Protein backbone atom coordinates (compact mmCIF):
# COMPACT_ATOMS: atom_id res chain seq x y z
CA MET A 1 -1.80 21.55 8.46
CA ILE A 2 1.10 19.14 8.32
CA GLU A 3 -1.31 16.19 8.33
CA THR A 4 -3.05 17.63 5.28
CA MET A 5 0.23 18.26 3.48
CA MET A 6 1.33 14.70 4.20
CA LYS A 7 -1.85 13.11 2.87
CA GLY A 8 -1.02 11.07 -0.20
CA TYR A 9 2.72 11.50 0.22
CA GLU A 10 5.43 9.18 1.42
CA PHE A 11 7.29 10.63 4.39
CA GLU A 12 10.66 10.47 2.62
CA THR A 13 9.18 12.23 -0.42
CA LEU A 14 7.77 14.92 1.83
CA ILE A 15 11.18 15.49 3.40
CA GLY A 16 12.87 15.61 0.02
CA ASP A 17 10.36 17.90 -1.65
CA LEU A 18 8.07 19.79 0.70
CA PHE A 19 10.01 20.18 3.93
CA LYS A 20 13.24 20.99 2.12
CA HIS A 21 11.42 23.43 -0.13
CA TYR A 22 9.95 25.28 2.85
CA GLY A 23 13.20 25.23 4.80
CA TYR A 24 12.41 22.48 7.30
CA VAL A 25 15.06 20.29 8.83
CA VAL A 26 14.05 16.82 9.95
CA GLU A 27 16.13 14.89 12.45
CA ASN A 28 15.58 11.17 12.98
CA ASN A 29 12.30 11.46 11.06
CA LYS A 30 10.73 12.72 14.27
CA THR A 31 11.60 16.34 14.97
CA ILE A 32 10.86 19.29 12.71
CA ILE A 33 13.06 22.33 13.28
CA LYS A 34 12.17 25.67 11.75
CA ASN A 35 13.16 29.17 12.80
CA HIS A 36 14.98 27.70 15.81
CA LYS A 37 11.72 26.27 17.17
CA ILE A 38 11.38 22.55 17.75
CA TYR A 39 8.13 20.73 17.07
CA GLU A 40 7.67 17.09 18.02
CA ALA A 41 6.18 15.34 15.03
CA ASP A 42 5.15 12.03 16.57
CA LEU A 43 1.97 12.12 14.49
CA ILE A 44 4.14 11.90 11.38
CA SER A 45 5.28 8.41 10.49
CA SER A 46 6.46 6.75 7.30
CA ASN A 47 4.17 3.83 8.15
CA ASN A 48 1.12 5.79 9.28
CA ILE A 49 0.11 8.89 7.34
CA ALA A 50 -2.19 11.08 9.40
CA SER A 51 -5.57 11.38 7.74
């Protein structure tokens, strides 16, 4: 799901618009925290958008 949302977006733009809009918090561009659950987001990279 996240890969699809990221397609065509720059990672910083996604943080600024999508993640913030849906209440995500991103630390070190690597960890997504939502509802006190931590998800490792290694597949997400500003240099390599998952396709």
